[in-house]
């Protein structure tokens, strides 16, 4: 895959899926569904953006993915800061969420800018 945001959003979903189904999954019970839904939605929206019908549609789909990435980061930080999961187990997923947020923000900003003449 040579599209960095597609790759990072996929890896984010994969990391969160492993957290939510792995040995510490029971500790996540209070918010497991929400974390998993948000994290997998990031990549799903990035994938949908690949076949957007217009620049506006593309920007919208990436914006939705960006919101989901922020929600994922928020919920993962809650897990870390509440002690539900140890910080080291969330480091990769949080790093990926932050990368997706940075990339998505740049993509939305550049897509909403007028095209060069």
N, C-alpha and C. Protein backbone atom coordinates (compact mmCIF):
# COMPACT_ATOMS: atom_id res chain seq x y z
N UNK A 1 0.86 -1.18 0.00
CA UNK A 1 0.00 0.00 0.00
C UNK A 1 0.91 1.24 0.00
N UNK A 2 0.73 2.10 -0.97
CA UNK A 2 1.59 3.28 -1.03
C UNK A 2 0.83 4.57 -0.71
N UNK A 3 -0.23 4.46 0.05
CA UNK A 3 -0.99 5.61 0.50
C UNK A 3 -0.85 5.64 2.03
N UNK A 4 -0.04 6.56 2.57
CA UNK A 4 0.27 6.53 4.01
C UNK A 4 -0.94 6.58 4.93
N UNK A 5 -1.94 7.39 4.63
CA UNK A 5 -3.08 7.47 5.55
C UNK A 5 -3.92 6.20 5.49
N UNK A 6 -4.01 5.58 4.33
CA UNK A 6 -4.72 4.29 4.25
C UNK A 6 -3.99 3.24 5.08
N UNK A 7 -2.67 3.22 4.96
CA UNK A 7 -1.86 2.25 5.70
C UNK A 7 -1.97 2.48 7.20
N UNK A 8 -1.81 3.73 7.63
CA UNK A 8 -1.84 4.04 9.07
C UNK A 8 -3.23 3.79 9.67
N UNK A 9 -4.29 4.14 8.93
CA UNK A 9 -5.63 3.92 9.47
C UNK A 9 -5.95 2.43 9.55
N UNK A 10 -5.43 1.65 8.60
CA UNK A 10 -5.62 0.20 8.66
C UNK A 10 -4.88 -0.39 9.87
N UNK A 11 -3.63 0.04 10.05
CA UNK A 11 -2.85 -0.46 11.18
C UNK A 11 -3.47 -0.05 12.52
N UNK A 12 -4.04 1.14 12.58
CA UNK A 12 -4.74 1.59 13.79
C UNK A 12 -5.90 0.65 14.10
N UNK A 13 -6.71 0.38 13.11
CA UNK A 13 -7.85 -0.53 13.32
C UNK A 13 -7.37 -1.91 13.75
N UNK A 14 -6.31 -2.39 13.12
CA UNK A 14 -5.77 -3.71 13.45
C UNK A 14 -5.25 -3.74 14.90
N UNK A 15 -4.51 -2.71 15.30
CA UNK A 15 -4.01 -2.65 16.68
C UNK A 15 -5.16 -2.63 17.69
N UNK A 16 -6.17 -1.82 17.42
CA UNK A 16 -7.29 -1.72 18.35
C UNK A 16 -8.09 -3.03 18.36
N UNK A 17 -8.25 -3.65 17.22
CA UNK A 17 -8.94 -4.95 17.18
C UNK A 17 -8.20 -5.97 18.03
N UNK A 18 -6.88 -5.99 17.94
CA UNK A 18 -6.09 -6.91 18.77
C UNK A 18 -6.23 -6.60 20.25
N UNK A 19 -6.26 -5.30 20.60
CA UNK A 19 -6.46 -4.93 22.00
C UNK A 19 -7.83 -5.39 22.50
N UNK A 20 -8.83 -5.23 21.66
CA UNK A 20 -10.21 -5.52 22.06
C UNK A 20 -10.55 -7.01 22.06
N UNK A 21 -9.69 -7.82 21.47
CA UNK A 21 -9.97 -9.26 21.43
C UNK A 21 -8.85 -10.08 22.07
N UNK A 22 -7.80 -9.41 22.50
CA UNK A 22 -6.64 -10.09 23.07
C UNK A 22 -6.79 -10.39 24.55
N UNK A 23 -5.68 -10.71 25.19
CA UNK A 23 -5.69 -11.14 26.60
C UNK A 23 -6.24 -10.10 27.58
N UNK A 24 -6.15 -8.83 27.24
CA UNK A 24 -6.64 -7.80 28.17
C UNK A 24 -8.02 -7.27 27.78
N UNK A 25 -8.69 -7.94 26.86
CA UNK A 25 -9.98 -7.47 26.35
C UNK A 25 -11.02 -7.30 27.46
N UNK A 26 -11.01 -8.18 28.43
CA UNK A 26 -12.01 -8.08 29.51
C UNK A 26 -11.88 -6.77 30.27
N UNK A 27 -10.67 -6.26 30.37
CA UNK A 27 -10.46 -4.99 31.08
C UNK A 27 -11.11 -3.83 30.33
N UNK A 28 -11.30 -3.99 29.02
CA UNK A 28 -11.89 -2.94 28.20
C UNK A 28 -13.41 -3.02 28.13
N UNK A 29 -14.00 -3.98 28.78
CA UNK A 29 -15.44 -4.22 28.66
C UNK A 29 -16.30 -2.95 28.73
N UNK A 30 -16.01 -2.00 29.63
CA UNK A 30 -16.89 -0.83 29.71
C UNK A 30 -16.96 0.01 28.43
N UNK A 31 -15.88 0.02 27.64
CA UNK A 31 -15.91 0.86 26.44
C UNK A 31 -15.38 0.16 25.18
N UNK A 32 -15.31 -1.16 25.23
CA UNK A 32 -14.75 -1.92 24.11
C UNK A 32 -15.48 -1.66 22.80
N UNK A 33 -16.80 -1.67 22.82
CA UNK A 33 -17.57 -1.46 21.59
C UNK A 33 -17.32 -0.09 20.98
N UNK A 34 -17.25 0.93 21.82
CA UNK A 34 -17.04 2.29 21.33
C UNK A 34 -15.65 2.46 20.71
N UNK A 35 -14.64 1.91 21.37
CA UNK A 35 -13.27 2.02 20.85
C UNK A 35 -13.17 1.31 19.51
N UNK A 36 -13.69 0.10 19.46
CA UNK A 36 -13.60 -0.69 18.24
C UNK A 36 -14.37 -0.04 17.10
N UNK A 37 -15.55 0.49 17.39
CA UNK A 37 -16.35 1.14 16.34
C UNK A 37 -15.63 2.37 15.79
N UNK A 38 -15.09 3.19 16.68
CA UNK A 38 -14.40 4.41 16.23
C UNK A 38 -13.15 4.06 15.44
N UNK A 39 -12.34 3.14 15.94
CA UNK A 39 -11.06 2.82 15.29
C UNK A 39 -11.27 2.19 13.92
N UNK A 40 -12.26 1.33 13.78
CA UNK A 40 -12.49 0.71 12.47
C UNK A 40 -13.17 1.66 11.51
N UNK A 41 -13.88 2.63 12.02
CA UNK A 41 -14.54 3.62 11.18
C UNK A 41 -13.53 4.56 10.51
N UNK A 42 -12.40 4.79 11.17
CA UNK A 42 -11.36 5.65 10.58
C UNK A 42 -10.97 5.12 9.21
N UNK A 43 -10.53 3.89 9.18
CA UNK A 43 -10.09 3.28 7.92
C UNK A 43 -11.20 3.12 6.92
N UNK A 44 -12.40 2.79 7.40
CA UNK A 44 -13.53 2.64 6.49
C UNK A 44 -13.82 3.95 5.77
N UNK A 45 -13.75 5.05 6.47
CA UNK A 45 -14.00 6.35 5.84
C UNK A 45 -12.86 6.76 4.91
N UNK A 46 -11.64 6.41 5.26
CA UNK A 46 -10.51 6.68 4.36
C UNK A 46 -10.68 5.86 3.09
N UNK A 47 -11.09 4.63 3.22
CA UNK A 47 -11.32 3.78 2.04
C UNK A 47 -12.44 4.37 1.16
N UNK A 48 -13.51 4.82 1.78
CA UNK A 48 -14.60 5.44 1.02
C UNK A 48 -14.12 6.70 0.30
N UNK A 49 -13.24 7.44 0.93
CA UNK A 49 -12.73 8.67 0.32
C UNK A 49 -11.98 8.38 -0.98
N UNK A 50 -11.44 7.19 -1.11
CA UNK A 50 -10.67 6.85 -2.31
C UNK A 50 -11.54 6.84 -3.56
N UNK A 51 -12.85 6.69 -3.38
CA UNK A 51 -13.75 6.71 -4.54
C UNK A 51 -14.75 7.85 -4.44
N UNK A 52 -14.31 8.94 -3.85
CA UNK A 52 -15.18 10.12 -3.69
C UNK A 52 -15.59 10.65 -5.05
N UNK A 53 -16.76 11.27 -5.08
CA UNK A 53 -17.32 11.78 -6.33
C UNK A 53 -16.84 13.19 -6.67
N UNK A 54 -16.26 13.88 -5.70
CA UNK A 54 -15.78 15.25 -5.92
C UNK A 54 -14.76 15.59 -4.85
N UNK A 55 -14.09 16.74 -5.01
CA UNK A 55 -13.15 17.21 -3.99
C UNK A 55 -13.88 17.42 -2.66
N UNK A 56 -15.10 17.96 -2.74
CA UNK A 56 -15.88 18.22 -1.53
C UNK A 56 -16.24 16.91 -0.83
N UNK A 57 -16.64 15.92 -1.61
CA UNK A 57 -16.99 14.61 -1.05
C UNK A 57 -15.75 13.98 -0.42
N UNK A 58 -14.62 14.08 -1.10
CA UNK A 58 -13.36 13.55 -0.57
C UNK A 58 -13.03 14.22 0.77
N UNK A 59 -13.08 15.55 0.79
CA UNK A 59 -12.76 16.29 2.02
C UNK A 59 -13.72 15.90 3.14
N UNK A 60 -14.99 15.73 2.81
CA UNK A 60 -15.97 15.34 3.82
C UNK A 60 -15.65 13.97 4.41
N UNK A 61 -15.37 13.01 3.56
CA UNK A 61 -15.08 11.66 4.04
C UNK A 61 -13.81 11.62 4.88
N UNK A 62 -12.79 12.36 4.48
CA UNK A 62 -11.57 12.42 5.28
C UNK A 62 -11.85 13.14 6.60
N UNK A 63 -12.72 14.16 6.57
CA UNK A 63 -13.10 14.86 7.80
C UNK A 63 -13.79 13.92 8.79
N UNK A 64 -14.65 13.06 8.27
CA UNK A 64 -15.33 12.09 9.13
C UNK A 64 -14.30 11.13 9.73
N UNK A 65 -13.36 10.68 8.92
CA UNK A 65 -12.30 9.80 9.42
C UNK A 65 -11.48 10.51 10.50
N UNK A 66 -11.22 11.78 10.29
CA UNK A 66 -10.48 12.57 11.26
C UNK A 66 -11.23 12.65 12.60
N UNK A 67 -12.52 12.87 12.55
CA UNK A 67 -13.33 12.89 13.79
C UNK A 67 -13.26 11.55 14.51
N UNK A 68 -13.35 10.46 13.75
CA UNK A 68 -13.28 9.13 14.34
C UNK A 68 -11.90 8.85 14.93
N UNK A 69 -10.85 9.34 14.28
CA UNK A 69 -9.49 9.18 14.81
C UNK A 69 -9.34 9.93 16.13
N UNK A 70 -9.93 11.12 16.19
CA UNK A 70 -9.87 11.89 17.45
C UNK A 70 -10.64 11.17 18.55
N UNK A 71 -11.78 10.60 18.20
CA UNK A 71 -12.55 9.84 19.19
C UNK A 71 -11.76 8.61 19.66
N UNK A 72 -11.13 7.94 18.73
CA UNK A 72 -10.32 6.77 19.09
C UNK A 72 -9.20 7.17 20.04
N UNK A 73 -8.50 8.24 19.72
CA UNK A 73 -7.43 8.72 20.58
C UNK A 73 -7.96 9.06 21.97
N UNK A 74 -9.08 9.73 22.02
CA UNK A 74 -9.69 10.11 23.30
C UNK A 74 -9.99 8.87 24.15
N UNK A 75 -10.62 7.88 23.54
CA UNK A 75 -10.99 6.68 24.29
C UNK A 75 -9.76 5.88 24.71
N UNK A 76 -8.76 5.82 23.87
CA UNK A 76 -7.53 5.12 24.24
C UNK A 76 -6.83 5.83 25.39
N UNK A 77 -6.82 7.16 25.37
CA UNK A 77 -6.23 7.92 26.47
C UNK A 77 -6.99 7.67 27.76
N UNK A 78 -8.31 7.55 27.66
CA UNK A 78 -9.11 7.21 28.85
C UNK A 78 -8.69 5.86 29.42
N UNK A 79 -8.49 4.90 28.54
CA UNK A 79 -8.06 3.56 28.99
C UNK A 79 -6.71 3.63 29.68
N UNK A 80 -5.82 4.41 29.11
CA UNK A 80 -4.48 4.56 29.69
C UNK A 80 -4.54 5.29 31.03
N UNK A 81 -5.21 6.44 31.05
CA UNK A 81 -5.18 7.30 32.23
C UNK A 81 -6.04 6.78 33.37
N UNK A 82 -7.01 5.93 33.07
CA UNK A 82 -7.84 5.33 34.12
C UNK A 82 -7.22 4.06 34.67
N UNK A 83 -6.19 3.56 33.99
CA UNK A 83 -5.55 2.33 34.44
C UNK A 83 -6.20 1.07 33.89
N UNK A 84 -7.18 1.22 33.00
CA UNK A 84 -7.79 0.02 32.41
C UNK A 84 -6.73 -0.82 31.69
N UNK A 85 -5.84 -0.15 30.99
CA UNK A 85 -4.74 -0.82 30.29
C UNK A 85 -3.44 -0.10 30.59
N UNK A 86 -2.35 -0.84 30.64
CA UNK A 86 -1.06 -0.18 30.87
C UNK A 86 -0.67 0.68 29.66
N UNK A 87 0.00 1.77 29.93
CA UNK A 87 0.38 2.73 28.89
C UNK A 87 1.16 2.07 27.76
N UNK A 88 2.05 1.15 28.08
CA UNK A 88 2.88 0.53 27.04
C UNK A 88 2.04 -0.26 26.04
N UNK A 89 0.90 -0.78 26.46
CA UNK A 89 0.06 -1.56 25.54
C UNK A 89 -0.71 -0.67 24.57
N UNK A 90 -0.77 0.61 24.85
CA UNK A 90 -1.52 1.55 24.01
C UNK A 90 -0.62 2.46 23.18
N UNK A 91 0.67 2.39 23.40
CA UNK A 91 1.61 3.31 22.76
C UNK A 91 1.50 3.29 21.24
N UNK A 92 1.49 2.10 20.64
CA UNK A 92 1.44 2.01 19.18
C UNK A 92 0.12 2.57 18.63
N UNK A 93 -0.99 2.16 19.24
CA UNK A 93 -2.29 2.61 18.75
C UNK A 93 -2.44 4.13 18.90
N UNK A 94 -1.99 4.67 20.02
CA UNK A 94 -2.06 6.12 20.21
C UNK A 94 -1.17 6.85 19.21
N UNK A 95 0.00 6.31 18.95
CA UNK A 95 0.89 6.91 17.96
C UNK A 95 0.27 6.90 16.57
N UNK A 96 -0.35 5.80 16.20
CA UNK A 96 -1.01 5.71 14.90
C UNK A 96 -2.18 6.69 14.81
N UNK A 97 -2.96 6.77 15.88
CA UNK A 97 -4.09 7.71 15.89
C UNK A 97 -3.59 9.14 15.70
N UNK A 98 -2.51 9.48 16.38
CA UNK A 98 -1.95 10.83 16.24
C UNK A 98 -1.45 11.07 14.82
N UNK A 99 -0.82 10.07 14.22
CA UNK A 99 -0.34 10.23 12.84
C UNK A 99 -1.51 10.42 11.88
N UNK A 100 -2.56 9.63 12.05
CA UNK A 100 -3.74 9.76 11.18
C UNK A 100 -4.37 11.14 11.35
N UNK A 101 -4.43 11.63 12.58
CA UNK A 101 -4.99 12.96 12.83
C UNK A 101 -4.16 14.03 12.12
N UNK A 102 -2.85 13.95 12.23
CA UNK A 102 -1.98 14.94 11.56
C UNK A 102 -2.14 14.86 10.04
N UNK A 103 -2.09 13.65 9.51
CA UNK A 103 -2.22 13.50 8.05
C UNK A 103 -3.59 13.94 7.57
N UNK A 104 -4.62 13.50 8.27
CA UNK A 104 -5.98 13.86 7.88
C UNK A 104 -6.21 15.35 7.91
N UNK A 105 -5.67 16.02 8.93
CA UNK A 105 -5.81 17.47 9.02
C UNK A 105 -5.17 18.16 7.83
N UNK A 106 -3.97 17.70 7.45
CA UNK A 106 -3.29 18.29 6.29
C UNK A 106 -4.07 18.02 5.00
N UNK A 107 -4.58 16.82 4.87
CA UNK A 107 -5.33 16.46 3.66
C UNK A 107 -6.58 17.33 3.53
N UNK A 108 -7.33 17.47 4.60
CA UNK A 108 -8.56 18.27 4.56
C UNK A 108 -8.23 19.72 4.23
N UNK A 109 -7.20 20.24 4.88
CA UNK A 109 -6.81 21.64 4.64
C UNK A 109 -6.41 21.84 3.19
N UNK A 110 -5.58 20.97 2.67
CA UNK A 110 -5.13 21.15 1.27
C UNK A 110 -6.25 20.88 0.27
N UNK A 111 -7.16 19.99 0.58
CA UNK A 111 -8.26 19.69 -0.33
C UNK A 111 -9.26 20.83 -0.37
N UNK A 112 -9.45 21.51 0.75
CA UNK A 112 -10.39 22.61 0.79
C UNK A 112 -9.80 23.89 0.21
N UNK A 113 -8.49 23.93 0.05
CA UNK A 113 -7.86 25.08 -0.57
C UNK A 113 -8.19 25.09 -2.06
N UNK A 114 -8.32 26.27 -2.66
CA UNK A 114 -8.63 26.31 -4.09
C UNK A 114 -7.51 25.63 -4.89
N UNK A 115 -7.88 24.87 -5.92
CA UNK A 115 -6.86 24.22 -6.75
C UNK A 115 -5.98 25.26 -7.44
N UNK A 116 -4.74 24.90 -7.63
CA UNK A 116 -3.80 25.81 -8.31
C UNK A 116 -4.24 25.99 -9.76
N UNK A 117 -4.13 27.21 -10.24
CA UNK A 117 -4.58 27.52 -11.60
C UNK A 117 -3.60 27.11 -12.64
